[in-house]
PDB file of all heavy atoms in Angstrom:
ATOM      1  N   LYS A   1     125.309 121.684 137.978  1.00  0.00           N
ATOM      2  CA  LYS A   1     123.947 121.740 138.516  1.00  0.00           C
ATOM      3  C   LYS A   1     123.259 123.043 138.121  1.00  0.00           C
ATOM      4  O   LYS A   1     122.070 123.052 137.787  1.00  0.00           O
ATOM      5  CB  LYS A   1     123.969 121.565 140.037  1.00  0.00           C
ATOM      6  CG  LYS A   1     124.314 120.145 140.476  1.00  0.00           C
ATOM      7  CD  LYS A   1     123.895 119.860 141.904  1.00  0.00           C
ATOM      8  CE  LYS A   1     122.398 119.891 142.107  1.00  0.00           C
ATOM      9  NZ  LYS A   1     121.978 119.449 143.456  1.00  0.00           N
ATOM     10  N   GLN A   2     123.994 124.147 138.148  1.00  0.00           N
ATOM     11  CA  GLN A   2     123.416 125.423 137.725  1.00  0.00           C
ATOM     12  C   GLN A   2     123.002 125.379 136.261  1.00  0.00           C
ATOM     13  O   GLN A   2     121.943 125.888 135.883  1.00  0.00           O
ATOM     14  CB  GLN A   2     124.421 126.550 137.966  1.00  0.00           C
ATOM     15  CG  GLN A   2     124.672 126.844 139.435  1.00  0.00           C
ATOM     16  CD  GLN A   2     125.884 127.727 139.656  1.00  0.00           C
ATOM     17  OE1 GLN A   2     126.356 128.394 138.734  1.00  0.00           O
ATOM     18  NE2 GLN A   2     126.405 127.743 140.881  1.00  0.00           N
ATOM     19  N   THR A   3     123.846 124.772 135.426  1.00  0.00           N
ATOM     20  CA  THR A   3     123.542 124.664 133.995  1.00  0.00           C
ATOM     21  C   THR A   3     122.303 123.818 133.757  1.00  0.00           C
ATOM     22  O   THR A   3     121.396 124.202 133.001  1.00  0.00           O
ATOM     23  CB  THR A   3     124.738 124.069 133.239  1.00  0.00           C
ATOM     24  OG1 THR A   3     125.865 124.948 133.369  1.00  0.00           O
ATOM     25  CG2 THR A   3     124.411 123.876 131.772  1.00  0.00           C
ATOM     26  N   LEU A   4     122.239 122.655 134.386  1.00  0.00           N
ATOM     27  CA  LEU A   4     121.099 121.761 134.200  1.00  0.00           C
ATOM     28  C   LEU A   4     119.805 122.419 134.698  1.00  0.00           C
ATOM     29  O   LEU A   4     118.747 122.277 134.072  1.00  0.00           O
ATOM     30  CB  LEU A   4     121.347 120.445 134.931  1.00  0.00           C
ATOM     31  CG  LEU A   4     122.457 119.564 134.338  1.00  0.00           C
ATOM     32  CD1 LEU A   4     122.780 118.416 135.283  1.00  0.00           C
ATOM     33  CD2 LEU A   4     122.062 119.039 132.973  1.00  0.00           C
ATOM     34  N   ARG A   5     119.886 123.152 135.810  1.00  0.00           N
ATOM     35  CA  ARG A   5     118.707 123.837 136.347  1.00  0.00           C
ATOM     36  C   ARG A   5     118.235 124.933 135.390  1.00  0.00           C
ATOM     37  O   ARG A   5     117.036 125.079 135.136  1.00  0.00           O
ATOM     38  CB  ARG A   5     119.034 124.404 137.718  1.00  0.00           C
ATOM     39  CG  ARG A   5     117.832 124.995 138.441  1.00  0.00           C
ATOM     40  CD  ARG A   5     118.110 125.248 139.920  1.00  0.00           C
ATOM     41  NE  ARG A   5     119.204 126.178 140.133  1.00  0.00           N
ATOM     42  CZ  ARG A   5     120.338 125.877 140.763  1.00  0.00           C
ATOM     43  NH1 ARG A   5     120.543 124.649 141.226  1.00  0.00           N
ATOM     44  NH2 ARG A   5     121.261 126.792 140.930  1.00  0.00           N
ATOM     45  N   ALA A   6     119.191 125.694 134.854  1.00  0.00           N
ATOM     46  CA  ALA A   6     118.826 126.771 133.926  1.00  0.00           C
ATOM     47  C   ALA A   6     118.246 126.216 132.634  1.00  0.00           C
ATOM     48  O   ALA A   6     117.277 126.763 132.088  1.00  0.00           O
ATOM     49  CB  ALA A   6     120.051 127.636 133.632  1.00  0.00           C
ATOM     50  N   LEU A   7     118.819 125.127 132.143  1.00  0.00           N
ATOM     51  CA  LEU A   7     118.301 124.511 130.922  1.00  0.00           C
ATOM     52  C   LEU A   7     116.881 123.993 131.135  1.00  0.00           C
ATOM     53  O   LEU A   7     116.008 124.164 130.281  1.00  0.00           O
ATOM     54  CB  LEU A   7     119.216 123.371 130.476  1.00  0.00           C
ATOM     55  CG  LEU A   7     120.561 123.784 129.877  1.00  0.00           C
ATOM     56  CD1 LEU A   7     121.462 122.562 129.733  1.00  0.00           C
ATOM     57  CD2 LEU A   7     120.374 124.469 128.531  1.00  0.00           C
ATOM     58  N   ALA A   8     116.638 123.357 132.275  1.00  0.00           N
ATOM     59  CA  ALA A   8     115.302 122.823 132.566  1.00  0.00           C
ATOM     60  C   ALA A   8     114.269 123.940 132.651  1.00  0.00           C
ATOM     61  O   ALA A   8     113.114 123.769 132.264  1.00  0.00           O
ATOM     62  CB  ALA A   8     115.327 122.019 133.865  1.00  0.00           C
ATOM     63  N   ALA A   9     114.703 125.104 133.158  1.00  0.00           N
ATOM     64  CA  ALA A   9     113.786 126.243 133.301  1.00  0.00           C
ATOM     65  C   ALA A   9     113.728 127.098 132.044  1.00  0.00           C
ATOM     66  O   ALA A   9     112.893 128.013 131.954  1.00  0.00           O
ATOM     67  CB  ALA A   9     114.224 127.105 134.481  1.00  0.00           C
ATOM     68  N   GLY A  10     114.593 126.823 131.066  1.00  0.00           N
ATOM     69  CA  GLY A  10     114.654 127.653 129.869  1.00  0.00           C
ATOM     70  C   GLY A  10     115.128 129.055 130.174  1.00  0.00           C
ATOM     71  O   GLY A  10     114.777 130.014 129.471  1.00  0.00           O
ATOM     72  N   ASP A  11     115.946 129.196 131.213  1.00  0.00           N
ATOM     73  CA  ASP A  11     116.410 130.518 131.652  1.00  0.00           C
ATOM     74  C   ASP A  11     117.744 130.850 130.987  1.00  0.00           C
ATOM     75  O   ASP A  11     118.816 130.668 131.571  1.00  0.00           O
ATOM     76  CB  ASP A  11     116.543 130.518 133.177  1.00  0.00           C
ATOM     77  CG  ASP A  11     116.939 131.882 133.724  1.00  0.00           C
ATOM     78  OD1 ASP A  11     116.984 132.844 132.937  1.00  0.00           O
ATOM     79  OD2 ASP A  11     117.207 131.970 134.945  1.00  0.00           O
ATOM     80  N   MET A  12     117.682 131.341 129.776  1.00  0.00           N
ATOM     81  CA  MET A  12     118.898 131.631 129.024  1.00  0.00           C
ATOM     82  C   MET A  12     119.674 132.811 129.596  1.00  0.00           C
ATOM     83  O   MET A  12     120.837 133.017 129.256  1.00  0.00           O
ATOM     84  CB  MET A  12     118.554 131.903 127.556  1.00  0.00           C
ATOM     85  CG  MET A  12     117.818 130.760 126.871  1.00  0.00           C
ATOM     86  SD  MET A  12     118.689 129.159 126.994  1.00  0.00           S
ATOM     87  CE  MET A  12     120.161 129.507 126.031  1.00  0.00           C
ATOM     88  N   ALA A  13     119.048 133.610 130.466  1.00  0.00           N
ATOM     89  CA  ALA A  13     119.738 134.744 131.073  1.00  0.00           C
ATOM     90  C   ALA A  13     120.526 134.351 132.320  1.00  0.00           C
ATOM     91  O   ALA A  13     121.285 135.164 132.847  1.00  0.00           O
ATOM     92  CB  ALA A  13     118.732 135.837 131.428  1.00  0.00           C
ATOM     93  N   ALA A  14     120.351 133.110 132.777  1.00  0.00           N
ATOM     94  CA  ALA A  14     121.086 132.660 133.958  1.00  0.00           C
ATOM     95  C   ALA A  14     122.580 132.685 133.671  1.00  0.00           C
ATOM     96  O   ALA A  14     123.011 132.364 132.556  1.00  0.00           O
ATOM     97  CB  ALA A  14     120.651 131.248 134.342  1.00  0.00           C
ATOM     98  N   PRO A  15     123.417 133.070 134.637  1.00  0.00           N
ATOM     99  CA  PRO A  15     124.865 133.133 134.401  1.00  0.00           C
ATOM    100  C   PRO A  15     125.458 131.839 133.838  1.00  0.00           C
ATOM    101  O   PRO A  15     126.377 131.890 133.023  1.00  0.00           O
ATOM    102  CB  PRO A  15     125.421 133.441 135.795  1.00  0.00           C
ATOM    103  CG  PRO A  15     124.316 134.175 136.477  1.00  0.00           C
ATOM    104  CD  PRO A  15     123.045 133.538 135.977  1.00  0.00           C
ATOM    105  N   ALA A  16     124.910 130.699 134.265  1.00  0.00           N
ATOM    106  CA  ALA A  16     125.449 129.424 133.777  1.00  0.00           C
ATOM    107  C   ALA A  16     125.324 129.289 132.261  1.00  0.00           C
ATOM    108  O   ALA A  16     126.132 128.594 131.627  1.00  0.00           O
ATOM    109  CB  ALA A  16     124.725 128.265 134.458  1.00  0.00           C
ATOM    110  N   LEU A  17     124.311 129.965 131.669  1.00  0.00           N
ATOM    111  CA  LEU A  17     124.112 129.897 130.222  1.00  0.00           C
ATOM    112  C   LEU A  17     124.581 131.165 129.517  1.00  0.00           C
ATOM    113  O   LEU A  17     125.077 131.104 128.393  1.00  0.00           O
ATOM    114  CB  LEU A  17     122.635 129.640 129.911  1.00  0.00           C
ATOM    115  CG  LEU A  17     122.039 128.342 130.461  1.00  0.00           C
ATOM    116  CD1 LEU A  17     120.609 128.175 129.979  1.00  0.00           C
ATOM    117  CD2 LEU A  17     122.868 127.125 130.057  1.00  0.00           C
ATOM    118  N   SER A  18     124.434 132.304 130.156  1.00  0.00           N
ATOM    119  CA  SER A  18     124.837 133.555 129.509  1.00  0.00           C
ATOM    120  C   SER A  18     126.341 133.805 129.600  1.00  0.00           C
ATOM    121  O   SER A  18     126.910 134.524 128.780  1.00  0.00           O
ATOM    122  CB  SER A  18     124.089 134.739 130.132  1.00  0.00           C
ATOM    123  OG  SER A  18     124.426 134.890 131.499  1.00  0.00           O
ATOM    124  N   GLN A  19     126.982 133.200 130.614  1.00  0.00           N
ATOM    125  CA  GLN A  19     128.437 133.331 130.766  1.00  0.00           C
ATOM    126  C   GLN A  19     129.039 131.948 131.037  1.00  0.00           C
ATOM    127  O   GLN A  19     129.661 131.713 132.068  1.00  0.00           O
ATOM    128  CB  GLN A  19     128.764 134.275 131.916  1.00  0.00           C
ATOM    129  CG  GLN A  19     128.145 135.659 131.793  1.00  0.00           C
ATOM    130  CD  GLN A  19     128.332 136.459 133.054  1.00  0.00           C
ATOM    131  OE1 GLN A  19     129.408 136.503 133.642  1.00  0.00           O
ATOM    132  NE2 GLN A  19     127.259 137.113 133.495  1.00  0.00           N
ATOM    133  N   PRO A  20     128.872 131.016 130.109  1.00  0.00           N
ATOM    134  CA  PRO A  20     129.223 129.625 130.384  1.00  0.00           C
ATOM    135  C   PRO A  20     130.721 129.331 130.499  1.00  0.00           C
ATOM    136  O   PRO A  20     131.101 128.265 130.979  1.00  0.00           O
ATOM    137  CB  PRO A  20     128.613 128.879 129.191  1.00  0.00           C
ATOM    138  CG  PRO A  20     128.620 129.877 128.092  1.00  0.00           C
ATOM    139  CD  PRO A  20     128.310 131.185 128.752  1.00  0.00           C
ATOM    140  N   TYR A  21     131.559 130.272 130.087  1.00  0.00           N
ATOM    141  CA  TYR A  21     133.001 130.010 130.110  1.00  0.00           C
ATOM    142  C   TYR A  21     133.740 130.910 131.087  1.00  0.00           C
ATOM    143  O   TYR A  21     134.970 131.059 131.011  1.00  0.00           O
ATOM    144  CB  TYR A  21     133.568 130.144 128.697  1.00  0.00           C
ATOM    145  CG  TYR A  21     132.801 129.318 127.699  1.00  0.00           C
ATOM    146  CD1 TYR A  21     132.028 129.920 126.709  1.00  0.00           C
ATOM    147  CD2 TYR A  21     132.785 127.930 127.785  1.00  0.00           C
ATOM    148  CE1 TYR A  21     131.276 129.157 125.820  1.00  0.00           C
ATOM    149  CE2 TYR A  21     132.039 127.152 126.910  1.00  0.00           C
ATOM    150  CZ  TYR A  21     131.289 127.777 125.922  1.00  0.00           C
ATOM    151  OH  TYR A  21     130.550 127.022 125.055  1.00  0.00           O
ATOM    152  N   ALA A  22     133.020 131.483 132.033  1.00  0.00           N
ATOM    153  CA  ALA A  22     133.633 132.395 133.001  1.00  0.00           C
ATOM    154  C   ALA A  22     134.630 131.674 133.913  1.00  0.00           C
ATOM    155  O   ALA A  22     135.471 132.315 134.538  1.00  0.00           O
ATOM    156  CB  ALA A  22     132.546 133.063 133.841  1.00  0.00           C
ATOM    157  N   TYR A  23     134.542 130.360 133.982  1.00  0.00           N
ATOM    158  CA  TYR A  23     135.439 129.579 134.841  1.00  0.00           C
ATOM    159  C   TYR A  23     136.836 129.397 134.245  1.00  0.00           C
ATOM    160  O   TYR A  23     137.735 128.848 134.890  1.00  0.00           O
ATOM    161  CB  TYR A  23     134.853 128.189 135.089  1.00  0.00           C
ATOM    162  CG  TYR A  23     134.841 127.322 133.855  1.00  0.00           C
ATOM    163  CD1 TYR A  23     135.937 126.534 133.516  1.00  0.00           C
ATOM    164  CD2 TYR A  23     133.740 127.309 133.001  1.00  0.00           C
ATOM    165  CE1 TYR A  23     135.935 125.758 132.362  1.00  0.00           C
ATOM    166  CE2 TYR A  23     133.736 126.546 131.853  1.00  0.00           C
ATOM    167  CZ  TYR A  23     134.841 125.766 131.537  1.00  0.00           C
ATOM    168  OH  TYR A  23     134.842 125.010 130.400  1.00  0.00           O
ATOM    169  N   ALA A  24     137.074 129.868 133.021  1.00  0.00           N
ATOM    170  CA  ALA A  24     138.278 129.520 132.259  1.00  0.00           C
ATOM    171  C   ALA A  24     139.579 129.690 133.036  1.00  0.00           C
ATOM    172  O   ALA A  24     140.468 128.834 132.993  1.00  0.00           O
ATOM    173  CB  ALA A  24     138.326 130.331 130.958  1.00  0.00           C
TER     174      ALA A  24
END
């Protein structure tokens, strides 16, 4: 949900997009 929200807003600085693999 965080990723989809950031993509819709074009917010490339959001953690979901700037650190997409932090869950590893």
